[in-house]
């Protein structure tokens, strides 16, 4: 459960930029983690970006711990780090639609087509 001193976000947080099908369908988080990220993610993201100031000691601790890469037993810190790791992991994967894959397929097709013309 999220700490009492961290306020809910103003709106649901889905992060469609990093998780096209939404956080809950990413397969990276449990149902409870997805729900908490959707409820608190907008607030946590705004705190870290400096768009809003911390309103409690828990929010201040969250910001300081994440920014200084410190150790913490706060659930919000652990969940946010898991969220950041999931984003990093999705960016490391090469999908069938990535430019690297498409370039390899194009090169293969060009080579195959050129060899057929030579016959």
N, C-alpha and C. Protein backbone atom coordinates (compact mmCIF):
# COMPACT_ATOMS: atom_id res chain seq x y z
N UNK A 1 0.84 -1.19 0.00
CA UNK A 1 0.00 0.00 0.00
C UNK A 1 0.88 1.24 0.00
N UNK A 2 0.41 2.27 -0.68
CA UNK A 2 1.16 3.51 -0.80
C UNK A 2 1.14 4.25 0.55
N UNK A 3 2.21 4.99 0.82
CA UNK A 3 2.31 5.74 2.06
C UNK A 3 1.18 6.77 2.16
N UNK A 4 0.74 7.03 3.39
CA UNK A 4 -0.38 7.96 3.61
C UNK A 4 -0.06 9.38 3.22
N UNK A 5 1.21 9.77 3.26
CA UNK A 5 1.59 11.15 2.99
C UNK A 5 1.72 11.48 1.52
N UNK A 6 1.49 10.52 0.64
CA UNK A 6 1.57 10.79 -0.80
C UNK A 6 0.15 10.93 -1.34
N UNK A 7 -0.10 12.07 -1.96
CA UNK A 7 -1.44 12.37 -2.46
C UNK A 7 -1.72 11.65 -3.78
N UNK A 8 -2.98 11.44 -4.05
CA UNK A 8 -3.40 10.86 -5.33
C UNK A 8 -3.11 11.84 -6.46
N UNK A 9 -2.93 11.31 -7.65
CA UNK A 9 -2.76 12.16 -8.82
C UNK A 9 -4.08 12.81 -9.18
N UNK A 10 -4.02 13.86 -9.99
CA UNK A 10 -5.24 14.55 -10.41
C UNK A 10 -6.02 13.74 -11.43
N UNK A 11 -5.32 12.91 -12.18
CA UNK A 11 -5.99 12.07 -13.18
C UNK A 11 -5.28 10.73 -13.27
N UNK A 12 -5.91 9.78 -13.89
CA UNK A 12 -5.33 8.44 -14.04
C UNK A 12 -4.09 8.52 -14.94
N UNK A 13 -3.09 7.77 -14.57
CA UNK A 13 -1.80 7.77 -15.25
C UNK A 13 -1.65 6.47 -16.02
N UNK A 14 -1.61 6.56 -17.35
CA UNK A 14 -1.52 5.36 -18.17
C UNK A 14 -0.19 5.23 -18.90
N UNK A 15 0.54 6.29 -19.07
CA UNK A 15 1.82 6.31 -19.78
C UNK A 15 1.74 5.60 -21.12
N UNK A 16 0.92 6.12 -21.99
CA UNK A 16 0.76 5.54 -23.33
C UNK A 16 2.01 5.71 -24.20
N UNK A 17 2.93 6.55 -23.78
CA UNK A 17 4.17 6.73 -24.54
C UNK A 17 5.05 5.50 -24.40
N UNK A 18 5.23 5.02 -23.17
CA UNK A 18 6.11 3.88 -22.92
C UNK A 18 5.38 2.54 -22.92
N UNK A 19 4.10 2.55 -22.62
CA UNK A 19 3.30 1.33 -22.58
C UNK A 19 2.07 1.54 -23.46
N UNK A 20 2.19 1.17 -24.72
CA UNK A 20 1.16 1.45 -25.73
C UNK A 20 -0.21 0.90 -25.34
N UNK A 21 -0.24 -0.26 -24.68
CA UNK A 21 -1.51 -0.86 -24.27
C UNK A 21 -1.88 -0.48 -22.85
N UNK A 22 -1.10 0.40 -22.25
CA UNK A 22 -1.36 0.82 -20.88
C UNK A 22 -0.50 0.05 -19.89
N UNK A 23 -0.35 0.61 -18.72
CA UNK A 23 0.47 0.00 -17.68
C UNK A 23 -0.09 -1.34 -17.25
N UNK A 24 -1.39 -1.43 -17.10
CA UNK A 24 -2.00 -2.66 -16.59
C UNK A 24 -1.88 -3.83 -17.57
N UNK A 25 -1.73 -3.55 -18.83
CA UNK A 25 -1.61 -4.63 -19.83
C UNK A 25 -0.18 -4.88 -20.28
N UNK A 26 0.76 -4.24 -19.63
CA UNK A 26 2.16 -4.37 -20.04
C UNK A 26 2.76 -5.71 -19.65
N UNK A 27 2.21 -6.34 -18.63
CA UNK A 27 2.78 -7.59 -18.15
C UNK A 27 3.95 -7.39 -17.22
N UNK A 28 4.28 -6.15 -16.91
CA UNK A 28 5.42 -5.83 -16.05
C UNK A 28 5.04 -5.69 -14.58
N UNK A 29 3.76 -5.50 -14.31
CA UNK A 29 3.32 -5.18 -12.96
C UNK A 29 2.17 -6.08 -12.53
N UNK A 30 2.06 -6.28 -11.22
CA UNK A 30 0.91 -6.99 -10.68
C UNK A 30 -0.33 -6.10 -10.81
N UNK A 31 -1.48 -6.66 -10.57
CA UNK A 31 -2.72 -5.87 -10.64
C UNK A 31 -2.66 -4.72 -9.66
N UNK A 32 -2.24 -4.99 -8.43
CA UNK A 32 -2.17 -3.96 -7.40
C UNK A 32 -1.17 -2.87 -7.78
N UNK A 33 0.00 -3.27 -8.31
CA UNK A 33 1.00 -2.28 -8.73
C UNK A 33 0.46 -1.41 -9.86
N UNK A 34 -0.22 -2.03 -10.81
CA UNK A 34 -0.81 -1.26 -11.92
C UNK A 34 -1.82 -0.25 -11.40
N UNK A 35 -2.65 -0.69 -10.47
CA UNK A 35 -3.67 0.21 -9.91
C UNK A 35 -3.02 1.39 -9.19
N UNK A 36 -1.98 1.10 -8.41
CA UNK A 36 -1.30 2.17 -7.68
C UNK A 36 -0.60 3.14 -8.63
N UNK A 37 0.03 2.61 -9.67
CA UNK A 37 0.67 3.50 -10.65
C UNK A 37 -0.37 4.36 -11.36
N UNK A 38 -1.50 3.79 -11.68
CA UNK A 38 -2.56 4.57 -12.34
C UNK A 38 -3.11 5.64 -11.41
N UNK A 39 -3.18 5.36 -10.11
CA UNK A 39 -3.72 6.31 -9.14
C UNK A 39 -2.70 7.38 -8.74
N UNK A 40 -1.45 6.98 -8.56
CA UNK A 40 -0.43 7.89 -8.02
C UNK A 40 0.62 8.31 -9.04
N UNK A 41 0.69 7.68 -10.17
CA UNK A 41 1.75 7.92 -11.14
C UNK A 41 1.86 9.35 -11.61
N UNK A 42 0.72 9.97 -11.87
CA UNK A 42 0.73 11.36 -12.33
C UNK A 42 1.35 12.26 -11.26
N UNK A 43 1.00 12.01 -10.02
CA UNK A 43 1.54 12.81 -8.89
C UNK A 43 3.05 12.58 -8.76
N UNK A 44 3.46 11.32 -8.78
CA UNK A 44 4.88 11.00 -8.62
C UNK A 44 5.71 11.58 -9.76
N UNK A 45 5.19 11.47 -10.97
CA UNK A 45 5.88 12.01 -12.14
C UNK A 45 6.00 13.53 -12.04
N UNK A 46 4.93 14.18 -11.63
CA UNK A 46 4.94 15.65 -11.49
C UNK A 46 5.89 16.10 -10.39
N UNK A 47 5.96 15.34 -9.30
CA UNK A 47 6.91 15.66 -8.23
C UNK A 47 8.34 15.59 -8.74
N UNK A 48 8.65 14.53 -9.46
CA UNK A 48 10.01 14.32 -9.94
C UNK A 48 10.42 15.31 -11.02
N UNK A 49 9.46 15.73 -11.83
CA UNK A 49 9.78 16.69 -12.89
C UNK A 49 9.84 18.12 -12.36
N UNK A 50 9.42 18.33 -11.11
CA UNK A 50 9.44 19.67 -10.52
C UNK A 50 8.23 20.50 -10.88
N UNK A 51 7.23 19.89 -11.52
CA UNK A 51 6.02 20.64 -11.88
C UNK A 51 5.19 21.02 -10.67
N UNK A 52 5.28 20.22 -9.61
CA UNK A 52 4.58 20.53 -8.37
C UNK A 52 5.54 20.31 -7.20
N UNK A 53 5.39 21.10 -6.14
CA UNK A 53 6.27 20.91 -4.98
C UNK A 53 5.72 19.81 -4.07
N UNK A 54 6.59 19.16 -3.31
CA UNK A 54 6.11 18.17 -2.33
C UNK A 54 5.25 18.85 -1.27
N UNK A 55 4.15 18.17 -0.91
CA UNK A 55 3.23 18.73 0.08
C UNK A 55 3.30 18.01 1.42
N UNK A 56 4.17 17.01 1.52
CA UNK A 56 4.29 16.26 2.77
C UNK A 56 5.71 15.73 2.91
N UNK A 57 6.00 15.24 4.10
CA UNK A 57 7.32 14.68 4.35
C UNK A 57 7.55 13.43 3.49
N UNK A 58 6.50 12.62 3.29
CA UNK A 58 6.64 11.43 2.46
C UNK A 58 6.94 11.78 1.00
N UNK A 59 6.29 12.81 0.49
CA UNK A 59 6.57 13.24 -0.88
C UNK A 59 7.99 13.79 -1.00
N UNK A 60 8.42 14.54 0.00
CA UNK A 60 9.79 15.07 0.02
C UNK A 60 10.81 13.92 0.06
N UNK A 61 10.55 12.94 0.90
CA UNK A 61 11.44 11.78 1.00
C UNK A 61 11.48 11.02 -0.32
N UNK A 62 10.33 10.86 -0.95
CA UNK A 62 10.26 10.17 -2.24
C UNK A 62 11.14 10.88 -3.28
N UNK A 63 10.97 12.17 -3.42
CA UNK A 63 11.73 12.95 -4.40
C UNK A 63 13.23 12.87 -4.11
N UNK A 64 13.61 13.09 -2.87
CA UNK A 64 15.03 13.06 -2.51
C UNK A 64 15.65 11.68 -2.74
N UNK A 65 14.93 10.63 -2.38
CA UNK A 65 15.46 9.28 -2.52
C UNK A 65 15.63 8.90 -3.99
N UNK A 66 14.64 9.21 -4.83
CA UNK A 66 14.74 8.88 -6.25
C UNK A 66 15.84 9.72 -6.91
N UNK A 67 15.88 11.00 -6.63
CA UNK A 67 16.87 11.89 -7.26
C UNK A 67 18.30 11.57 -6.84
N UNK A 68 18.47 11.15 -5.60
CA UNK A 68 19.82 10.85 -5.11
C UNK A 68 20.16 9.36 -5.23
N UNK A 69 19.23 8.59 -5.81
CA UNK A 69 19.42 7.15 -5.98
C UNK A 69 19.74 6.46 -4.66
N UNK A 70 19.06 6.91 -3.60
CA UNK A 70 19.29 6.37 -2.27
C UNK A 70 18.46 5.13 -1.99
N UNK A 71 18.78 4.48 -0.88
CA UNK A 71 18.05 3.31 -0.43
C UNK A 71 16.83 3.76 0.37
N UNK A 72 15.75 3.01 0.24
CA UNK A 72 14.54 3.35 0.98
C UNK A 72 13.66 2.12 1.11
N UNK A 73 12.90 2.10 2.19
CA UNK A 73 11.92 1.03 2.37
C UNK A 73 10.52 1.50 1.96
N UNK A 74 10.42 2.74 1.46
CA UNK A 74 9.12 3.27 1.03
C UNK A 74 8.62 2.49 -0.18
N UNK A 75 7.36 2.09 -0.13
CA UNK A 75 6.78 1.35 -1.23
C UNK A 75 6.74 2.19 -2.50
N UNK A 76 6.47 3.48 -2.36
CA UNK A 76 6.41 4.37 -3.53
C UNK A 76 7.75 4.39 -4.26
N UNK A 77 8.84 4.40 -3.54
CA UNK A 77 10.18 4.41 -4.15
C UNK A 77 10.43 3.09 -4.87
N UNK A 78 10.11 1.98 -4.22
CA UNK A 78 10.32 0.66 -4.83
C UNK A 78 9.48 0.50 -6.09
N UNK A 79 8.23 0.94 -6.03
CA UNK A 79 7.34 0.82 -7.18
C UNK A 79 7.80 1.73 -8.32
N UNK A 80 8.23 2.94 -8.03
CA UNK A 80 8.68 3.85 -9.08
C UNK A 80 9.95 3.34 -9.74
N UNK A 81 10.83 2.76 -8.96
CA UNK A 81 12.05 2.18 -9.54
C UNK A 81 11.71 0.99 -10.43
N UNK A 82 10.75 0.18 -10.02
CA UNK A 82 10.32 -0.94 -10.85
C UNK A 82 9.73 -0.40 -12.15
N UNK A 83 8.97 0.66 -12.06
CA UNK A 83 8.39 1.32 -13.23
C UNK A 83 9.48 1.82 -14.18
N UNK A 84 10.51 2.47 -13.62
CA UNK A 84 11.61 2.96 -14.43
C UNK A 84 12.39 1.81 -15.09
N UNK A 85 12.58 0.72 -14.37
CA UNK A 85 13.27 -0.44 -14.93
C UNK A 85 12.45 -1.06 -16.06
N UNK A 86 11.13 -1.08 -15.91
CA UNK A 86 10.26 -1.62 -16.96
C UNK A 86 10.34 -0.76 -18.22
N UNK A 87 10.40 0.55 -18.05
CA UNK A 87 10.55 1.45 -19.20
C UNK A 87 11.88 1.17 -19.90
N UNK A 88 12.94 1.07 -19.13
CA UNK A 88 14.26 0.80 -19.70
C UNK A 88 14.27 -0.53 -20.44
N UNK A 89 13.61 -1.53 -19.88
CA UNK A 89 13.58 -2.85 -20.50
C UNK A 89 12.80 -2.82 -21.82
N UNK A 90 11.73 -2.06 -21.88
CA UNK A 90 10.95 -1.99 -23.12
C UNK A 90 11.72 -1.28 -24.22
N UNK A 91 12.61 -0.37 -23.84
CA UNK A 91 13.41 0.35 -24.83
C UNK A 91 14.60 -0.48 -25.32
N UNK A 92 15.02 -1.46 -24.52
CA UNK A 92 16.14 -2.31 -24.92
C UNK A 92 15.72 -3.41 -25.89
N UNK A 93 14.46 -3.81 -25.84
CA UNK A 93 13.99 -4.89 -26.70
C UNK A 93 13.91 -4.43 -28.15
N UNK A 94 14.29 -5.29 -29.06
CA UNK A 94 14.13 -5.00 -30.48
C UNK A 94 12.86 -5.70 -30.94
N UNK A 95 11.91 -4.95 -31.36
CA UNK A 95 10.65 -5.54 -31.81
C UNK A 95 10.71 -5.80 -33.31
N UNK A 96 9.78 -6.61 -33.82
CA UNK A 96 9.75 -6.84 -35.26
C UNK A 96 9.51 -5.57 -36.06
N UNK A 97 9.07 -4.53 -35.39
CA UNK A 97 8.76 -3.28 -36.08
C UNK A 97 9.84 -2.23 -35.87
N UNK A 98 10.94 -2.61 -35.19
CA UNK A 98 12.00 -1.65 -34.96
C UNK A 98 12.77 -1.38 -36.24
N UNK A 99 13.44 -0.27 -36.29
CA UNK A 99 14.17 0.11 -37.51
C UNK A 99 15.31 -0.86 -37.79
N UNK A 100 15.95 -1.40 -36.75
CA UNK A 100 17.04 -2.35 -36.96
C UNK A 100 16.51 -3.59 -37.68
N UNK A 101 15.39 -4.11 -37.20
CA UNK A 101 14.80 -5.30 -37.82
C UNK A 101 14.38 -5.00 -39.26
N UNK A 102 13.75 -3.86 -39.47
CA UNK A 102 13.30 -3.50 -40.81
C UNK A 102 14.47 -3.33 -41.77
N UNK A 103 15.58 -2.78 -41.30
CA UNK A 103 16.77 -2.63 -42.14
C UNK A 103 17.34 -3.98 -42.53
N UNK A 104 17.36 -4.93 -41.58
CA UNK A 104 17.86 -6.27 -41.88
C UNK A 104 16.97 -6.96 -42.91
N UNK A 105 15.66 -6.84 -42.75
CA UNK A 105 14.73 -7.44 -43.69
C UNK A 105 14.89 -6.80 -45.06
N UNK A 106 15.00 -5.49 -45.11
CA UNK A 106 15.17 -4.80 -46.39
C UNK A 106 16.45 -5.23 -47.08
N UNK A 107 17.52 -5.35 -46.32
CA UNK A 107 18.79 -5.77 -46.89
C UNK A 107 18.68 -7.19 -47.45
N UNK A 108 18.03 -8.09 -46.71
CA UNK A 108 17.84 -9.46 -47.17
C UNK A 108 17.02 -9.49 -48.46
N UNK A 109 15.94 -8.71 -48.47
CA UNK A 109 15.07 -8.68 -49.65
C UNK A 109 15.82 -8.12 -50.86
N UNK A 110 16.63 -7.08 -50.65
CA UNK A 110 17.41 -6.50 -51.74
C UNK A 110 18.40 -7.51 -52.30
N UNK A 111 19.08 -8.24 -51.41
CA UNK A 111 20.05 -9.24 -51.84
C UNK A 111 19.38 -10.37 -52.58
N UNK A 112 18.22 -10.82 -52.08
CA UNK A 112 17.49 -11.92 -52.72
C UNK A 112 16.99 -11.50 -54.10
N UNK A 113 16.47 -10.29 -54.18
CA UNK A 113 15.94 -9.81 -55.45
C UNK A 113 17.06 -9.62 -56.48
N UNK A 114 18.22 -9.11 -56.01
CA UNK A 114 19.36 -8.92 -56.92
C UNK A 114 19.88 -10.24 -57.45
N UNK A 115 19.92 -11.28 -56.60
CA UNK A 115 20.42 -12.58 -57.05
C UNK A 115 19.45 -13.24 -58.05
N UNK A 116 18.15 -12.99 -57.90
CA UNK A 116 17.18 -13.54 -58.84
C UNK A 116 17.29 -12.85 -60.18
N UNK A 117 17.59 -11.57 -60.21
CA UNK A 117 17.74 -10.84 -61.48
C UNK A 117 18.99 -11.29 -62.22
N UNK A 118 20.04 -11.68 -61.47
CA UNK A 118 21.29 -12.09 -62.07
C UNK A 118 21.15 -13.44 -62.80
N UNK A 119 20.17 -14.21 -62.45
CA UNK A 119 20.00 -15.53 -63.08
C UNK A 119 19.50 -15.46 -64.46
